[in-house]
Amino acid sequence: MGIFVFIIGLCIGSFLNVCIYRIPKEESISFPPSHCTTCGYNLKAYDLVPILSYLFLRGKCRKCGEKISLRYPLIELLNGLIYLLIFIKFGISLNFIFYSLLSSLLIVISFIDLDSKYIYTSNTILGAVIGCIYILVGAYIGEVNIINNLLGGIIGYAIIYLIVIATNGMGQGDAEIAGICGLFLGIKGILVTLFISIILGGLVGIIILLFKLKDKKSEIAFGPYIAIAAVICIFYGHEILSLYLSFFY
């Protein structure tokens, strides 16, 4: 079953690549079919097998020989591994389905943010809708506390939005991502997520300054740090919170 879940994750990862490329260009994610962005060659089914097609073609377009970015198979692999790990932790369950959807959406949002420094409202609205469905279904079967998760969304959004107003160091899109994650993770989960994201952002910021990879005025996308922190929280949120509280009690 794990292998099947991994393969599904790879296939969905391939679709995520389409979303990441086309959404910023305001192109349809369903039409035209996948094609080489250099020569326009319409990819056949055997050109679209996740990871394997890239290896078989040696990272080049079958028609014109243009190099294919290594990022495509890496995103496929990343999504496949996340699906597999979520399955190992939760089995076939409500959390598996919706945490997998959340993770895929966060991958799309993060890579678009890295490329364009912009978070599209259409993506965050989709995340909010999926989050609300998760809360309603989870509450119906007794696995989710509606108040806890709704407050998680509100608190996540509010904290980052206040930082945006106070420092202008982030964008409203970052607040929207935090709000989405809060809907899935609840109050404790979003607090842990924001704690981890700030640490990650700070560490990367220090490395960037030390090695002068960017100047101080360069924009740094914070959305990916929230996304990474949310995925970490899905797997280790309770353990991280318990460890943190152990220093005080």
C-alpha atoms as a PDB file:
ATOM      1  CA  MET A   1       0.000   0.000   0.000  1.00  0.00           C
ATOM      2  CA  GLY A   2       2.861   2.345   0.804  1.00  0.00           C
ATOM      3  CA  ILE A   3       4.287   1.938  -2.714  1.00  0.00           C
ATOM      4  CA  PHE A   4       0.896   2.798  -4.216  1.00  0.00           C
ATOM      5  CA  VAL A   5       0.650   5.934  -2.055  1.00  0.00           C
ATOM      6  CA  PHE A   6       4.181   6.931  -3.088  1.00  0.00           C
ATOM      7  CA  ILE A   7       3.322   6.529  -6.791  1.00  0.00           C
ATOM      8  CA  ILE A   8       0.150   8.592  -6.365  1.00  0.00           C
ATOM      9  CA  GLY A   9       2.264  11.262  -4.683  1.00  0.00           C
ATOM     10  CA  LEU A  10       4.714  11.245  -7.597  1.00  0.00           C
ATOM     11  CA  CYS A  11       1.907  11.632 -10.138  1.00  0.00           C
ATOM     12  CA  ILE A  12       0.310  14.481  -8.224  1.00  0.00           C
ATOM     13  CA  GLY A  13       3.776  16.012  -7.895  1.00  0.00           C
ATOM     14  CA  SER A  14       3.962  16.077 -11.691  1.00  0.00           C
ATOM     15  CA  PHE A  15       0.710  18.042 -11.761  1.00  0.00           C
ATOM     16  CA  LEU A  16       2.078  20.428  -9.125  1.00  0.00           C
ATOM     17  CA  ASN A  17       4.900  21.286 -11.523  1.00  0.00           C
ATOM     18  CA  VAL A  18       2.293  22.372 -14.069  1.00  0.00           C
ATOM     19  CA  CYS A  19       0.591  24.555 -11.460  1.00  0.00           C
ATOM     20  CA  ILE A  20       3.862  26.133 -10.338  1.00  0.00           C
ATOM     21  CA  TYR A  21       4.805  27.014 -13.905  1.00  0.00           C
ATOM     22  CA  ARG A  22       1.424  28.158 -15.224  1.00  0.00           C
ATOM     23  CA  ILE A  23      -0.306  29.949 -12.346  1.00  0.00           C
ATOM     24  CA  PRO A  24       2.117  32.929 -12.313  1.00  0.00           C
ATOM     25  CA  LYS A  25       1.669  33.203 -16.086  1.00  0.00           C
ATOM     26  CA  GLU A  26      -2.115  33.188 -15.627  1.00  0.00           C
ATOM     27  CA  GLU A  27      -2.388  30.175 -17.926  1.00  0.00           C
ATOM     28  CA  SER A  28      -4.895  27.346 -17.634  1.00  0.00           C
ATOM     29  CA  ILE A  29      -3.560  24.381 -15.667  1.00  0.00           C
ATOM     30  CA  SER A  30      -5.566  21.980 -17.849  1.00  0.00           C
ATOM     31  CA  PHE A  31      -5.106  23.351 -21.380  1.00  0.00           C
ATOM     32  CA  PRO A  32      -3.035  23.182 -23.492  1.00  0.00           C
ATOM     33  CA  PRO A  33      -1.529  19.764 -22.667  1.00  0.00           C
ATOM     34  CA  SER A  34       1.953  19.579 -21.156  1.00  0.00           C
ATOM     35  CA  HIS A  35       4.543  20.678 -23.682  1.00  0.00           C
ATOM     36  CA  CYS A  36       8.155  21.760 -24.047  1.00  0.00           C
ATOM     37  CA  THR A  37       8.322  25.456 -23.227  1.00  0.00           C
ATOM     38  CA  THR A  38      11.078  25.931 -25.819  1.00  0.00           C
ATOM     39  CA  CYS A  39       9.894  24.132 -28.970  1.00  0.00           C
ATOM     40  CA  GLY A  40       6.233  23.542 -28.099  1.00  0.00           C
ATOM     41  CA  TYR A  41       6.443  19.741 -28.498  1.00  0.00           C
ATOM     42  CA  ASN A  42       3.355  18.164 -26.905  1.00  0.00           C
ATOM     43  CA  LEU A  43       4.558  15.610 -24.379  1.00  0.00           C
ATOM     44  CA  LYS A  44       3.267  12.070 -24.814  1.00  0.00           C
ATOM     45  CA  ALA A  45       2.178   9.841 -21.946  1.00  0.00           C
ATOM     46  CA  TYR A  46       5.569   8.108 -21.926  1.00  0.00           C
ATOM     47  CA  ASP A  47       7.244  11.512 -21.551  1.00  0.00           C
ATOM     48  CA  LEU A  48       5.286  12.217 -18.382  1.00  0.00           C
ATOM     49  CA  VAL A  49       6.166   9.236 -16.189  1.00  0.00           C
ATOM     50  CA  PRO A  50       7.335  10.874 -12.944  1.00  0.00           C
ATOM     51  CA  ILE A  51      11.125  10.791 -12.421  1.00  0.00           C
ATOM     52  CA  LEU A  52      11.650   7.863 -14.842  1.00  0.00           C
ATOM     53  CA  SER A  53      10.964   9.936 -17.966  1.00  0.00           C
ATOM     54  CA  TYR A  54      13.446  12.549 -16.778  1.00  0.00           C
ATOM     55  CA  LEU A  55      16.109   9.882 -16.241  1.00  0.00           C
ATOM     56  CA  PHE A  56      15.366   8.134 -19.548  1.00  0.00           C
ATOM     57  CA  LEU A  57      15.530  11.409 -21.481  1.00  0.00           C
ATOM     58  CA  ARG A  58      18.651  12.421 -19.528  1.00  0.00           C
ATOM     59  CA  GLY A  59      17.002  15.651 -18.518  1.00  0.00           C
ATOM     60  CA  LYS A  60      16.410  16.883 -22.075  1.00  0.00           C
ATOM     61  CA  CYS A  61      13.426  17.470 -24.356  1.00  0.00           C
ATOM     62  CA  ARG A  62      12.874  14.504 -26.676  1.00  0.00           C
ATOM     63  CA  LYS A  63      12.315  16.854 -29.632  1.00  0.00           C
ATOM     64  CA  CYS A  64      14.724  19.800 -29.349  1.00  0.00           C
ATOM     65  CA  GLY A  65      17.185  18.628 -26.707  1.00  0.00           C
ATOM     66  CA  GLU A  66      16.585  21.627 -24.429  1.00  0.00           C
ATOM     67  CA  LYS A  67      17.531  20.898 -20.821  1.00  0.00           C
ATOM     68  CA  ILE A  68      14.690  20.138 -18.424  1.00  0.00           C
ATOM     69  CA  SER A  69      15.058  21.686 -14.986  1.00  0.00           C
ATOM     70  CA  LEU A  70      16.087  19.235 -12.270  1.00  0.00           C
ATOM     71  CA  ARG A  71      13.436  20.870 -10.119  1.00  0.00           C
ATOM     72  CA  TYR A  72      10.670  18.962 -11.904  1.00  0.00           C
ATOM     73  CA  PRO A  73      11.664  15.461 -10.743  1.00  0.00           C
ATOM     74  CA  LEU A  74      12.706  16.822  -7.343  1.00  0.00           C
ATOM     75  CA  ILE A  75       9.220  18.238  -6.740  1.00  0.00           C
ATOM     76  CA  GLU A  76       7.696  14.933  -7.847  1.00  0.00           C
ATOM     77  CA  LEU A  77       9.966  13.069  -5.447  1.00  0.00           C
ATOM     78  CA  LEU A  78       9.295  15.529  -2.621  1.00  0.00           C
ATOM     79  CA  ASN A  79       5.540  15.159  -2.964  1.00  0.00           C
ATOM     80  CA  GLY A  80       5.786  11.382  -3.203  1.00  0.00           C
ATOM     81  CA  LEU A  81       7.925  11.139  -0.075  1.00  0.00           C
ATOM     82  CA  ILE A  82       5.654  13.447   1.915  1.00  0.00           C
ATOM     83  CA  TYR A  83       2.598  11.380   0.957  1.00  0.00           C
ATOM     84  CA  LEU A  84       4.397   8.197   1.954  1.00  0.00           C
ATOM     85  CA  LEU A  85       5.524   9.604   5.312  1.00  0.00           C
ATOM     86  CA  ILE A  86       2.043  10.925   6.100  1.00  0.00           C
ATOM     87  CA  PHE A  87       0.618   7.506   5.227  1.00  0.00           C
ATOM     88  CA  ILE A  88       3.144   5.784   7.505  1.00  0.00           C
ATOM     89  CA  LYS A  89       2.181   8.077  10.389  1.00  0.00           C
ATOM     90  CA  PHE A  90      -1.596   8.220   9.958  1.00  0.00           C
ATOM     91  CA  GLY A  91      -2.554   5.295   7.725  1.00  0.00           C
ATOM     92  CA  ILE A  92      -5.569   5.695   5.441  1.00  0.00           C
ATOM     93  CA  SER A  93      -7.491   8.277   7.428  1.00  0.00           C
ATOM     94  CA  LEU A  94      -8.986  11.743   7.356  1.00  0.00           C
ATOM     95  CA  ASN A  95      -5.661  13.240   8.405  1.00  0.00           C
ATOM     96  CA  PHE A  96      -3.817  11.392   5.652  1.00  0.00           C
ATOM     97  CA  ILE A  97      -6.128  12.735   2.958  1.00  0.00           C
ATOM     98  CA  PHE A  98      -6.232  16.339   4.100  1.00  0.00           C
ATOM     99  CA  TYR A  99      -2.633  16.660   5.305  1.00  0.00           C
ATOM    100  CA  SER A 100      -1.548  15.339   1.910  1.00  0.00           C
ATOM    101  CA  LEU A 101      -3.698  17.951   0.173  1.00  0.00           C
ATOM    102  CA  LEU A 102      -2.305  20.662   2.448  1.00  0.00           C
ATOM    103  CA  SER A 103       1.272  19.578   1.769  1.00  0.00           C
ATOM    104  CA  SER A 104       0.762  19.629  -2.002  1.00  0.00           C
ATOM    105  CA  LEU A 105      -0.822  23.070  -1.858  1.00  0.00           C
ATOM    106  CA  LEU A 106       2.041  24.350   0.290  1.00  0.00           C
ATOM    107  CA  ILE A 107       4.539  23.037  -2.262  1.00  0.00           C
ATOM    108  CA  VAL A 108       2.795  24.996  -5.022  1.00  0.00           C
ATOM    109  CA  ILE A 109       2.543  28.168  -2.945  1.00  0.00           C
ATOM    110  CA  SER A 110       6.149  27.916  -1.750  1.00  0.00           C
ATOM    111  CA  PHE A 111       7.805  27.435  -5.123  1.00  0.00           C
ATOM    112  CA  ILE A 112       5.730  30.179  -6.715  1.00  0.00           C
ATOM    113  CA  ASP A 113       6.695  32.431  -3.803  1.00  0.00           C
ATOM    114  CA  LEU A 114      10.371  31.561  -4.271  1.00  0.00           C
ATOM    115  CA  ASP A 115      10.149  32.357  -7.985  1.00  0.00           C
ATOM    116  CA  SER A 116       8.029  35.487  -7.913  1.00  0.00           C
ATOM    117  CA  LYS A 117       7.960  36.653  -4.262  1.00  0.00           C
ATOM    118  CA  TYR A 118       4.185  36.605  -4.622  1.00  0.00           C
ATOM    119  CA  ILE A 119       1.473  34.472  -3.055  1.00  0.00           C
ATOM    120  CA  TYR A 120      -1.648  34.140  -5.179  1.00  0.00           C
ATOM    121  CA  THR A 121      -4.971  34.671  -3.439  1.00  0.00           C
ATOM    122  CA  SER A 122      -6.551  31.941  -5.583  1.00  0.00           C
ATOM    123  CA  ASN A 123      -4.235  29.408  -3.938  1.00  0.00           C
ATOM    124  CA  THR A 124      -4.875  30.621  -0.403  1.00  0.00           C
ATOM    125  CA  ILE A 125      -8.647  30.692  -0.976  1.00  0.00           C
ATOM    126  CA  LEU A 126      -8.434  27.080  -2.168  1.00  0.00           C
ATOM    127  CA  GLY A 127      -6.468  26.233   0.969  1.00  0.00           C
ATOM    128  CA  ALA A 128      -9.045  27.921   3.192  1.00  0.00           C
ATOM    129  CA  VAL A 129     -11.883  26.026   1.501  1.00  0.00           C
ATOM    130  CA  ILE A 130     -10.079  22.687   1.905  1.00  0.00           C
ATOM    131  CA  GLY A 131      -9.306  23.589   5.522  1.00  0.00           C
ATOM    132  CA  CYS A 132     -12.960  24.337   6.275  1.00  0.00           C
ATOM    133  CA  ILE A 133     -14.036  21.067   4.644  1.00  0.00           C
ATOM    134  CA  TYR A 134     -11.465  19.254   6.803  1.00  0.00           C
ATOM    135  CA  ILE A 135     -12.879  20.889   9.937  1.00  0.00           C
ATOM    136  CA  LEU A 136     -16.496  20.083   9.057  1.00  0.00           C
ATOM    137  CA  VAL A 137     -15.834  16.466   8.080  1.00  0.00           C
ATOM    138  CA  GLY A 138     -13.495  15.973  11.037  1.00  0.00           C
ATOM    139  CA  ALA A 139     -16.027  17.418  13.458  1.00  0.00           C
ATOM    140  CA  TYR A 140     -18.775  15.219  12.011  1.00  0.00           C
ATOM    141  CA  ILE A 141     -16.782  12.034  12.659  1.00  0.00           C
ATOM    142  CA  GLY A 142     -15.488  13.307  16.003  1.00  0.00           C
ATOM    143  CA  GLU A 143     -11.820  13.775  15.095  1.00  0.00           C
ATOM    144  CA  VAL A 144     -11.605  17.574  14.940  1.00  0.00           C
ATOM    145  CA  ASN A 145     -12.586  20.269  17.444  1.00  0.00           C
ATOM    146  CA  ILE A 146     -14.266  22.993  15.389  1.00  0.00           C
ATOM    147  CA  ILE A 147     -13.476  25.819  17.819  1.00  0.00           C
ATOM    148  CA  ASN A 148      -9.831  24.801  18.225  1.00  0.00           C
ATOM    149  CA  ASN A 149      -9.146  24.627  14.507  1.00  0.00           C
ATOM    150  CA  LEU A 150     -11.081  27.760  13.580  1.00  0.00           C
ATOM    151  CA  LEU A 151      -9.229  29.677  16.288  1.00  0.00           C
ATOM    152  CA  GLY A 152      -6.004  28.156  14.986  1.00  0.00           C
ATOM    153  CA  GLY A 153      -6.720  29.711  11.603  1.00  0.00           C
ATOM    154  CA  ILE A 154      -7.640  33.085  13.084  1.00  0.00           C
ATOM    155  CA  ILE A 155      -4.622  33.171  15.412  1.00  0.00           C
ATOM    156  CA  GLY A 156      -2.213  32.125  12.667  1.00  0.00           C
ATOM    157  CA  TYR A 157      -3.472  34.838  10.347  1.00  0.00           C
ATOM    158  CA  ALA A 158      -3.611  37.492  13.080  1.00  0.00           C
ATOM    159  CA  ILE A 159      -0.064  36.941  14.371  1.00  0.00           C
ATOM    160  CA  ILE A 160       1.568  37.252  10.967  1.00  0.00           C
ATOM    161  CA  TYR A 161      -0.725  40.100   9.931  1.00  0.00           C
ATOM    162  CA  LEU A 162       0.293  42.074  13.025  1.00  0.00           C
ATOM    163  CA  ILE A 163       3.937  41.470  12.129  1.00  0.00           C
ATOM    164  CA  VAL A 164       3.200  42.700   8.598  1.00  0.00           C
ATOM    165  CA  ILE A 165       1.666  45.912   9.955  1.00  0.00           C
ATOM    166  CA  ALA A 166       4.405  46.467  12.537  1.00  0.00           C
ATOM    167  CA  THR A 167       7.476  45.724  10.435  1.00  0.00           C
ATOM    168  CA  ASN A 168       6.396  45.559   6.795  1.00  0.00           C
ATOM    169  CA  GLY A 169       8.852  42.664   6.658  1.00  0.00           C
ATOM    170  CA  MET A 170       6.342  40.154   5.336  1.00  0.00           C
ATOM    171  CA  GLY A 171       3.349  40.217   3.022  1.00  0.00           C
ATOM    172  CA  GLN A 172      -0.330  39.565   3.559  1.00  0.00           C
ATOM    173  CA  GLY A 173       0.106  36.311   1.659  1.00  0.00           C
ATOM    174  CA  ASP A 174       2.281  35.034   4.506  1.00  0.00           C
ATOM    175  CA  ALA A 175      -0.565  35.759   6.922  1.00  0.00           C
ATOM    176  CA  GLU A 176      -2.931  33.855   4.644  1.00  0.00           C
ATOM    177  CA  ILE A 177      -0.624  30.825   4.601  1.00  0.00           C
ATOM    178  CA  ALA A 178      -0.426  30.891   8.400  1.00  0.00           C
ATOM    179  CA  GLY A 179      -4.210  31.095   8.577  1.00  0.00           C
ATOM    180  CA  ILE A 180      -4.600  28.085   6.301  1.00  0.00           C
ATOM    181  CA  CYS A 181      -2.132  26.031   8.342  1.00  0.00           C
ATOM    182  CA  GLY A 182      -3.956  27.007  11.528  1.00  0.00           C
ATOM    183  CA  LEU A 183      -7.212  25.594  10.158  1.00  0.00           C
ATOM    184  CA  PHE A 184      -5.536  22.203   9.810  1.00  0.00           C
ATOM    185  CA  LEU A 185      -3.267  22.234  12.860  1.00  0.00           C
ATOM    186  CA  GLY A 186      -5.317  24.007  15.530  1.00  0.00           C
ATOM    187  CA  ILE A 187      -4.114  26.506  18.129  1.00  0.00           C
ATOM    188  CA  LYS A 188      -1.139  24.570  19.496  1.00  0.00           C
ATOM    189  CA  GLY A 189      -0.129  23.390  16.055  1.00  0.00           C
ATOM    190  CA  ILE A 190      -0.030  26.843  14.491  1.00  0.00           C
ATOM    191  CA  LEU A 191       1.909  28.277  17.431  1.00  0.00           C
ATOM    192  CA  VAL A 192       4.500  25.524  17.036  1.00  0.00           C
ATOM    193  CA  THR A 193       4.531  26.114  13.274  1.00  0.00           C
ATOM    194  CA  LEU A 194       5.165  29.844  13.605  1.00  0.00           C
ATOM    195  CA  PHE A 195       7.847  29.215  16.232  1.00  0.00           C
ATOM    196  CA  ILE A 196       9.670  26.810  13.904  1.00  0.00           C
ATOM    197  CA  SER A 197       9.237  29.085  10.873  1.00  0.00           C
ATOM    198  CA  ILE A 198      10.779  32.061  12.661  1.00  0.00           C
ATOM    199  CA  ILE A 199      13.756  29.943  13.729  1.00  0.00           C
ATOM    200  CA  LEU A 200      14.206  28.588  10.192  1.00  0.00           C
ATOM    201  CA  GLY A 201      13.875  32.043   8.657  1.00  0.00           C
ATOM    202  CA  GLY A 202      16.344  33.484  11.142  1.00  0.00           C
ATOM    203  CA  LEU A 203      18.928  30.760  10.549  1.00  0.00           C
ATOM    204  CA  VAL A 204      18.709  31.065   6.775  1.00  0.00           C
ATOM    205  CA  GLY A 205      18.853  34.852   7.055  1.00  0.00           C
ATOM    206  CA  ILE A 206      22.053  34.641   9.103  1.00  0.00           C
ATOM    207  CA  ILE A 207      23.625  32.260   6.572  1.00  0.00           C
ATOM    208  CA  ILE A 208      22.665  34.572   3.702  1.00  0.00           C
ATOM    209  CA  LEU A 209      24.233  37.577   5.418  1.00  0.00           C
ATOM    210  CA  LEU A 210      27.374  35.720   6.533  1.00  0.00           C
ATOM    211  CA  PHE A 211      28.100  34.395   3.062  1.00  0.00           C
ATOM    212  CA  LYS A 212      26.776  37.535   1.355  1.00  0.00           C
ATOM    213  CA  LEU A 213      24.450  35.505  -0.842  1.00  0.00           C
ATOM    214  CA  LYS A 214      22.114  38.511  -1.003  1.00  0.00           C
ATOM    215  CA  ASP A 215      22.291  42.092   0.188  1.00  0.00           C
ATOM    216  CA  LYS A 216      20.317  43.340   3.180  1.00  0.00           C
ATOM    217  CA  LYS A 217      17.672  44.980   0.997  1.00  0.00           C
ATOM    218  CA  SER A 218      16.866  41.823  -0.976  1.00  0.00           C
ATOM    219  CA  GLU A 219      13.405  40.342  -0.531  1.00  0.00           C
ATOM    220  CA  ILE A 220      13.285  36.931   1.109  1.00  0.00           C
ATOM    221  CA  ALA A 221      10.164  34.802   0.683  1.00  0.00           C
ATOM    222  CA  PHE A 222       8.894  33.798   4.135  1.00  0.00           C
ATOM    223  CA  GLY A 223       6.037  31.620   2.900  1.00  0.00           C
ATOM    224  CA  PRO A 224       8.268  28.566   2.321  1.00  0.00           C
ATOM    225  CA  TYR A 225       9.463  28.684   5.939  1.00  0.00           C
ATOM    226  CA  ILE A 226       5.878  28.582   7.185  1.00  0.00           C
ATOM    227  CA  ALA A 227       5.194  25.702   4.788  1.00  0.00           C
ATOM    228  CA  ILE A 228       8.234  23.702   5.913  1.00  0.00           C
ATOM    229  CA  ALA A 229       7.385  24.371   9.550  1.00  0.00           C
ATOM    230  CA  ALA A 230       3.793  23.212   9.013  1.00  0.00           C
ATOM    231  CA  VAL A 231       4.947  19.914   7.512  1.00  0.00           C
ATOM    232  CA  ILE A 232       7.381  19.434  10.406  1.00  0.00           C
ATOM    233  CA  CYS A 233       4.514  20.141  12.794  1.00  0.00           C
ATOM    234  CA  ILE A 234       2.344  17.503  11.122  1.00  0.00           C
ATOM    235  CA  PHE A 235       4.931  14.877  12.049  1.00  0.00           C
ATOM    236  CA  TYR A 236       6.515  16.195  15.242  1.00  0.00           C
ATOM    237  CA  GLY A 237       4.303  18.999  16.534  1.00  0.00           C
ATOM    238  CA  HIS A 238       3.338  17.300  19.793  1.00  0.00           C
ATOM    239  CA  GLU A 239       6.908  16.233  20.528  1.00  0.00           C
ATOM    240  CA  ILE A 240       8.296  19.717  19.846  1.00  0.00           C
ATOM    241  CA  LEU A 241       5.652  21.346  22.052  1.00  0.00           C
ATOM    242  CA  SER A 242       6.287  18.855  24.870  1.00  0.00           C
ATOM    243  CA  LEU A 243      10.040  19.452  24.634  1.00  0.00           C
ATOM    244  CA  TYR A 244       9.548  23.224  24.736  1.00  0.00           C
ATOM    245  CA  LEU A 245       7.203  23.068  27.730  1.00  0.00           C
ATOM    246  CA  SER A 246       9.586  20.744  29.581  1.00  0.00           C
ATOM    247  CA  PHE A 247      11.962  23.681  30.020  1.00  0.00           C
ATOM    248  CA  PHE A 248       9.331  25.508  32.078  1.00  0.00           C
ATOM    249  CA  TYR A 249       7.560  22.728  33.980  1.00  0.00           C
END
